[in-house]
Amino acid sequence: MKNNKLKSLVLAAAVTCSSAFAASDVITDEQLQSAIEARLSEQLKNKEVAAYTAEFLMNEVLTWKGEPLAVNQADSILAYAFGNRLSANGNQTPGPMNEALADVVVDLHKETGKPVYAQWEIAQSIGDRIAPEFITSINPLIAEDGTIIYLSTTGVAEEVIKQAGGADKLGKTLVVGFYEHSLRTITTSREAGIDAYAPQDVALPHDYDPQSGQAWTRDALTFVMHEIRNRATNKRTQLINEKLQN
């Protein structure tokens, strides 16, 4: 009798789970955003804030892929570094994640023949696989004590535009970034004025380096939390600036 009752409970749980998965398969983005907004309205007691936050969550927490562009439609390639390795003397080296990004860039250049702009970690990993006239290395600033001043994503985008002689000179740009970092690299590039896209049907690197010199890039969970914080900070800054301008 006890076994039969246990079997019934397991069957009921399985049916419930199957129904939940079936529902999640057909729910639209609009329905999901509406459900999040309703939940937040009840929790925050403010419909306007709930609606704004629900949209933010949809765009900045539940979205990780940028708008794609067919590779043959690109005019340029822009690659953002991810993580690094620190040698015994403290010097930074590209590390395996940037080496993986470099491989993607090399393949895209071979397919398109388009000019490449790459952070130094990727450019160094590319080596002579791309002819010098087709690649521009985006190098960091060097402090007086010889240490590297790491460029932010925004800093890289601005330097690329400077090196290219203007955002319009880049045309449609394929942006190569680590998978979970990719959307923000595209968004930041666009905010700087670059017509940026994800390379369509191209698998972006996704294997993390537990020995990365940047602790927040050593595993997916830590980086996702780091990335969500960055996206929220950017939105916070935007809202504050809007208030200061009024």
Protein backbone atom coordinates (compact mmCIF):
# COMPACT_ATOMS: atom_id res chain seq x y z
CA MET A 1 0.00 0.00 0.00
CA LYS A 2 2.79 2.39 0.95
CA ASN A 3 4.59 1.65 -2.34
CA ASN A 4 1.44 2.35 -4.34
CA LYS A 5 0.95 5.66 -2.54
CA LEU A 6 4.57 6.62 -3.19
CA LYS A 7 4.20 5.74 -6.86
CA SER A 8 1.09 7.89 -7.08
CA LEU A 9 2.90 10.86 -5.55
CA VAL A 10 5.83 10.48 -7.96
CA LEU A 11 3.43 10.23 -10.92
CA ALA A 12 1.57 13.34 -9.80
CA ALA A 13 4.85 15.25 -9.44
CA ALA A 14 5.96 14.12 -12.90
CA VAL A 15 2.67 15.25 -14.48
CA THR A 16 2.97 18.61 -12.74
CA CYS A 17 6.54 19.09 -13.96
CA SER A 18 5.58 18.07 -17.50
CA SER A 19 2.75 20.60 -17.51
CA ALA A 20 5.08 23.33 -16.27
CA PHE A 21 7.63 22.58 -18.99
CA ALA A 22 4.92 22.46 -21.65
CA ALA A 23 3.64 25.85 -20.55
CA SER A 24 7.14 27.35 -20.59
CA ASP A 25 7.63 26.08 -24.14
CA VAL A 26 4.71 28.13 -25.49
CA ILE A 27 4.84 31.26 -23.35
CA THR A 28 5.67 34.38 -25.35
CA ASP A 29 8.06 37.15 -24.33
CA GLU A 30 5.06 39.45 -23.95
CA GLN A 31 3.34 37.01 -21.59
CA LEU A 32 6.50 36.55 -19.57
CA GLN A 33 7.08 40.29 -19.24
CA SER A 34 3.45 40.78 -18.27
CA ALA A 35 3.74 38.09 -15.58
CA ILE A 36 6.95 39.66 -14.21
CA GLU A 37 5.30 43.08 -14.20
CA ALA A 38 2.26 41.73 -12.33
CA ARG A 39 4.50 40.10 -9.72
CA LEU A 40 6.52 43.29 -9.24
CA SER A 41 3.37 45.44 -9.07
CA GLU A 42 2.16 43.33 -6.18
CA GLN A 43 5.55 43.44 -4.46
CA LEU A 44 6.53 47.08 -5.09
CA LYS A 45 3.05 48.63 -4.96
CA ASN A 46 4.04 50.85 -7.87
CA LYS A 47 2.87 50.00 -11.41
CA GLU A 48 5.22 52.44 -13.15
CA VAL A 49 8.32 51.11 -11.39
CA ALA A 50 7.13 47.54 -11.90
CA ALA A 51 6.71 48.08 -15.65
CA TYR A 52 10.14 49.71 -15.99
CA THR A 53 11.83 47.00 -13.94
CA ALA A 54 10.09 44.21 -15.85
CA GLU A 55 11.35 45.66 -19.13
CA PHE A 56 14.85 45.96 -17.69
CA LEU A 57 14.78 42.34 -16.54
CA MET A 58 13.63 41.15 -19.95
CA ASN A 59 16.31 43.11 -21.81
CA GLU A 60 19.22 42.99 -19.39
CA VAL A 61 18.81 39.83 -17.29
CA LEU A 62 16.87 37.42 -19.49
CA THR A 63 18.59 38.35 -22.77
CA TRP A 64 22.16 37.28 -23.59
CA LYS A 65 22.30 37.25 -27.39
CA GLY A 66 22.88 40.28 -29.60
CA GLU A 67 21.31 41.04 -32.97
CA PRO A 68 23.03 38.84 -35.58
CA LEU A 69 24.46 39.83 -38.96
CA ALA A 70 25.35 37.48 -41.80
CA VAL A 71 29.12 37.24 -41.97
CA ASN A 72 29.22 38.17 -45.67
CA GLN A 73 27.53 41.51 -44.91
CA ALA A 74 30.27 42.73 -42.56
CA ASP A 75 32.65 45.61 -43.25
CA SER A 76 34.88 45.16 -40.20
CA ILE A 77 35.56 42.91 -37.21
CA LEU A 78 35.96 44.07 -33.61
CA ALA A 79 37.15 41.73 -30.85
CA TYR A 80 36.91 42.34 -27.11
CA ALA A 81 39.21 40.51 -24.69
CA PHE A 82 38.00 38.39 -21.79
CA GLY A 83 40.11 37.54 -18.76
CA ASN A 84 43.87 36.96 -18.87
CA ARG A 85 46.61 34.98 -17.17
CA LEU A 86 49.13 36.39 -14.70
CA SER A 87 52.69 35.09 -14.88
CA ALA A 88 54.88 34.57 -11.82
CA ASN A 89 56.32 38.09 -12.12
CA GLY A 90 52.84 39.62 -12.32
CA ASN A 91 52.84 40.31 -16.05
CA GLN A 92 49.59 39.77 -17.92
CA THR A 93 49.40 37.22 -20.72
CA PRO A 94 46.35 36.55 -22.94
CA GLY A 95 45.33 33.19 -21.48
CA PRO A 96 43.21 30.44 -23.08
CA MET A 97 39.95 32.39 -23.30
CA ASN A 98 41.54 35.12 -25.41
CA GLU A 99 43.28 32.48 -27.47
CA ALA A 100 39.86 30.97 -28.21
CA LEU A 101 38.53 34.41 -29.17
CA ALA A 102 41.55 34.88 -31.44
CA ASP A 103 40.71 31.65 -33.26
CA VAL A 104 37.20 32.94 -33.99
CA VAL A 105 38.59 36.24 -35.29
CA VAL A 106 41.08 34.48 -37.56
CA ASP A 107 38.31 32.32 -39.05
CA LEU A 108 36.09 35.38 -39.64
CA HIS A 109 38.91 37.28 -41.29
CA LYS A 110 39.71 34.33 -43.56
CA GLU A 111 36.05 34.18 -44.58
CA THR A 112 35.54 37.92 -45.09
CA GLY A 113 38.94 39.53 -45.64
CA LYS A 114 37.73 42.46 -43.54
CA PRO A 115 39.93 44.61 -41.27
CA VAL A 116 40.24 43.55 -37.65
CA TYR A 117 40.37 45.70 -34.51
CA ALA A 118 41.29 43.60 -31.48
CA GLN A 119 42.26 44.21 -27.88
CA TRP A 120 45.93 43.44 -27.39
CA GLU A 121 45.30 40.11 -25.65
CA ILE A 122 43.52 38.83 -28.76
CA ALA A 123 45.86 40.56 -31.22
CA GLN A 124 48.85 38.94 -29.49
CA SER A 125 47.16 35.53 -29.66
CA ILE A 126 46.47 36.04 -33.37
CA GLY A 127 50.15 36.65 -34.05
CA ASP A 128 51.00 36.45 -37.74
CA ARG A 129 47.86 34.58 -38.71
CA ILE A 130 46.44 37.88 -39.99
CA ALA A 131 48.60 40.16 -42.11
CA PRO A 132 49.70 43.34 -40.26
CA GLU A 133 47.88 45.65 -42.67
CA PHE A 134 44.57 44.01 -41.74
CA ILE A 135 44.81 44.13 -37.93
CA THR A 136 44.90 46.99 -35.45
CA SER A 137 45.81 46.15 -31.87
CA ILE A 138 43.95 48.14 -29.21
CA ASN A 139 46.58 48.53 -26.56
CA PRO A 140 46.05 49.58 -22.93
CA LEU A 141 47.51 52.61 -21.26
CA ILE A 142 50.74 52.08 -19.33
CA ALA A 143 51.07 53.69 -15.91
CA GLU A 144 54.28 55.41 -14.76
CA ASP A 145 55.27 52.32 -12.77
CA GLY A 146 54.93 50.18 -15.90
CA THR A 147 51.71 48.45 -14.92
CA ILE A 148 48.87 48.05 -17.41
CA ILE A 149 45.80 50.26 -17.02
CA TYR A 150 43.00 47.98 -18.19
CA LEU A 151 40.64 49.49 -20.76
CA SER A 152 36.92 49.24 -20.04
CA THR A 153 34.56 47.97 -22.74
CA THR A 154 33.59 51.58 -23.41
CA GLY A 155 37.25 52.58 -23.54
CA VAL A 156 37.96 49.92 -26.16
CA ALA A 157 35.03 51.03 -28.33
CA GLU A 158 36.15 54.66 -28.17
CA GLU A 159 39.74 53.75 -29.05
CA VAL A 160 38.58 51.64 -32.01
CA ILE A 161 36.61 54.59 -33.41
CA LYS A 162 39.65 56.79 -32.96
CA GLN A 163 41.95 54.30 -34.71
CA ALA A 164 39.47 53.83 -37.56
CA GLY A 165 39.11 57.57 -38.12
CA GLY A 166 35.44 57.62 -37.16
CA ALA A 167 32.62 55.17 -36.53
CA ASP A 168 31.33 55.55 -40.09
CA LYS A 169 34.61 54.15 -41.42
CA LEU A 170 33.89 50.84 -39.68
CA GLY A 171 30.62 50.17 -41.49
CA LYS A 172 28.71 47.12 -40.29
CA THR A 173 30.89 45.56 -37.60
CA LEU A 174 30.96 41.96 -36.43
CA VAL A 175 31.69 41.99 -32.71
CA VAL A 176 33.51 38.98 -31.28
CA GLY A 177 33.21 38.55 -27.52
CA PHE A 178 33.05 35.76 -24.97
CA TYR A 179 29.53 34.28 -25.04
CA GLU A 180 28.15 35.79 -21.82
CA HIS A 181 30.03 39.05 -22.43
CA SER A 182 28.92 39.35 -26.06
CA LEU A 183 25.65 41.26 -25.64
CA ARG A 184 27.25 44.02 -23.58
CA THR A 185 30.12 44.38 -26.03
CA ILE A 186 27.58 44.86 -28.82
CA THR A 187 25.44 47.26 -26.78
CA THR A 188 28.45 49.29 -25.68
CA SER A 189 29.77 49.42 -29.25
CA ARG A 190 26.42 50.72 -30.46
CA GLU A 191 26.25 53.31 -27.71
CA ALA A 192 29.65 54.56 -28.88
CA GLY A 193 28.30 54.92 -32.43
CA ILE A 194 29.43 51.64 -34.02
CA ASP A 195 26.93 49.71 -36.18
CA ALA A 196 27.63 46.50 -34.26
CA TYR A 197 26.27 42.95 -34.55
CA ALA A 198 26.90 39.39 -33.43
CA PRO A 199 28.36 37.13 -36.15
CA GLN A 200 25.46 34.99 -37.33
CA ASP A 201 25.81 31.21 -36.95
CA VAL A 202 29.21 31.55 -35.29
CA ALA A 203 29.76 29.79 -31.95
CA LEU A 204 31.39 32.16 -29.48
CA PRO A 205 33.82 30.81 -26.84
CA HIS A 206 32.12 29.58 -23.69
CA ASP A 207 34.76 27.59 -21.76
CA TYR A 208 35.95 29.45 -18.68
CA ASP A 209 39.50 29.55 -17.34
CA PRO A 210 39.66 28.72 -13.59
CA GLN A 211 43.13 30.32 -13.52
CA SER A 212 42.11 33.64 -15.06
CA GLY A 213 43.80 36.68 -13.56
CA GLN A 214 40.37 38.30 -13.31
CA ALA A 215 38.51 36.43 -10.59
CA TRP A 216 35.10 37.36 -12.01
CA THR A 217 35.92 35.55 -15.28
CA ARG A 218 36.86 32.19 -13.77
CA ASP A 219 33.42 30.57 -13.99
CA ALA A 220 30.05 31.21 -15.61
CA LEU A 221 28.02 31.80 -12.44
CA THR A 222 30.37 34.45 -11.05
CA PHE A 223 30.60 36.23 -14.38
CA VAL A 224 26.84 36.22 -14.95
CA MET A 225 26.33 37.88 -11.56
CA HIS A 226 29.16 40.32 -12.38
CA GLU A 227 27.57 41.09 -15.74
CA ILE A 228 24.08 41.63 -14.32
CA ARG A 229 25.59 44.04 -11.80
CA ASN A 230 27.30 45.94 -14.61
CA ARG A 231 24.12 46.18 -16.63
CA ALA A 232 22.18 47.40 -13.59
CA THR A 233 24.93 49.93 -12.79
CA ASN A 234 24.76 51.28 -16.35
CA LYS A 235 20.98 51.67 -16.06
CA ARG A 236 21.36 53.34 -12.66
CA THR A 237 23.89 55.80 -14.10
CA GLN A 238 21.53 56.60 -16.98
CA LEU A 239 18.64 57.31 -14.60
CA ILE A 240 20.79 59.50 -12.36
CA ASN A 241 22.11 61.49 -15.32
CA GLU A 242 18.56 62.04 -16.55
CA LYS A 243 17.62 63.45 -13.14
CA LEU A 244 20.67 65.74 -13.07
CA GLN A 245 19.78 67.12 -16.49
CA ASN A 246 16.25 68.05 -15.40
